[in-house]
Protein backbone atom coordinates (compact mmCIF):
# COMPACT_ATOMS: atom_id res chain seq x y z
CA MET A 1 -11.46 -1.75 8.41
CA ARG A 2 -10.44 -5.26 7.35
CA PRO A 3 -7.56 -7.23 5.81
CA LEU A 4 -8.13 -8.70 2.86
CA PRO A 5 -7.35 -12.34 2.11
CA LEU A 6 -4.79 -11.45 -0.58
CA ASP A 7 -0.94 -12.72 -0.73
CA GLN A 8 1.51 -10.35 0.06
CA GLY A 9 3.12 -10.72 -3.61
CA ALA A 10 0.05 -10.55 -5.45
CA PRO A 11 -0.47 -7.45 -7.44
CA LEU A 12 -1.75 -4.19 -7.04
CA ALA A 13 -4.20 -4.73 -9.64
CA ALA A 14 -6.06 -7.29 -6.99
CA HIS A 15 -7.87 -4.06 -5.46
CA GLU A 16 -10.43 -4.04 -8.48
CA ARG A 17 -11.91 -7.53 -7.18
CA TYR A 18 -12.65 -5.39 -4.35
CA PRO A 19 -15.02 -2.79 -5.24
CA GLY A 20 -13.82 -0.30 -2.29
CA SER A 21 -10.79 -1.20 -1.38
CA ARG A 22 -7.73 0.65 -0.29
CA LEU A 23 -4.30 0.42 -0.10
CA GLU A 24 -3.28 0.80 3.54
CA LEU A 25 0.71 2.16 4.31
CA VAL A 26 0.94 0.83 8.40
CA CYS A 27 4.42 1.65 10.35
CA GLY A 28 5.97 -1.32 12.00
CA SER A 29 6.96 0.50 15.34
CA CYS A 30 4.61 2.27 16.24
CA THR A 31 1.01 1.19 14.17
CA TRP A 32 0.35 4.33 12.65
CA SER A 33 -1.11 4.13 9.32
CA ARG A 34 -2.99 5.39 6.19
CA THR A 35 -5.01 4.42 3.43
CA TYR A 36 -4.88 5.74 0.07
CA ARG A 37 -6.73 4.58 -3.17
CA PRO A 38 -4.89 2.40 -5.01
CA ALA A 39 -5.57 3.64 -8.61
CA ARG A 40 -4.27 6.77 -7.35
CA ILE A 41 -0.90 4.65 -6.19
CA VAL A 42 -0.98 3.09 -9.74
CA GLU A 43 -0.66 6.94 -11.23
CA ARG A 44 1.97 7.78 -9.43
CA LEU A 45 4.43 4.76 -9.96
CA GLN A 46 3.55 5.19 -13.37
CA ALA A 47 4.32 8.74 -13.41
CA ARG A 48 7.77 7.92 -11.49
CA ARG A 49 8.30 5.22 -13.69
CA LEU A 50 8.65 2.46 -10.61
CA GLY A 51 5.62 0.17 -11.48
CA ASP A 52 2.22 -0.12 -12.35
CA ARG A 53 -0.73 -2.20 -11.73
CA GLN A 54 1.41 -5.35 -11.66
CA THR A 55 3.65 -4.18 -8.55
CA ALA A 56 3.41 -6.48 -5.65
CA ILE A 57 1.19 -5.35 -2.60
CA ALA A 58 4.32 -5.52 -0.29
CA ALA A 59 6.79 -3.73 -2.91
CA ILE A 60 4.34 -0.65 -2.39
CA ALA A 61 6.17 -0.30 0.94
CA HIS A 62 9.85 -0.31 0.42
CA LEU A 63 9.24 2.50 -2.14
CA VAL A 64 8.03 4.83 0.93
CA GLN A 65 10.63 7.27 0.90
CA TRP A 66 9.11 9.45 4.10
CA PRO A 67 9.22 8.90 8.05
CA CYS A 68 6.23 7.80 10.04
CA PRO A 69 5.21 10.74 11.57
CA GLY A 70 4.30 9.51 14.40
CA CYS A 71 7.72 7.36 15.40
CA ARG A 72 9.70 9.07 12.74
CA ARG A 73 11.00 5.47 11.93
CA MET A 74 11.04 3.89 8.57
CA ARG A 75 9.02 0.43 9.33
CA TRP A 76 6.71 0.24 6.46
CA GLY A 77 4.72 -2.74 5.30
CA SER A 78 1.47 -2.15 3.26
CA ARG A 79 -1.79 -4.21 2.59
CA LEU A 80 -4.96 -4.34 0.60
CA VAL A 81 -8.25 -3.36 3.51
CA ALA A 82 -11.82 -2.70 2.83
CA PRO A 83 -14.48 -1.18 4.76
C-alpha cells in the first residue's frame, strides 16, 4: 500500500476521493501497522462522541488507547493509504 498525497491535517472524509483507500495506524517505534476501513473509524468516532468525518487524519493516532502488539509502546501515527 502506498501513502496518499494528503496533508496530515486533512479531514478523514478525504478518503471518499480515493476508492478503496484505508486508514493505516503505524507504530513509530517498530513500524508495526494495521489498516482499517475509514467508514468504520468514522462510525466508532461518532458512537463514542470523539469526532466525525471532519476529524483530522493525524488526530486519529492520538485517540488510540492500546499499546503496539509488536513493541508494547504507544507511539502511533496515522495516514491514508491506497492499494
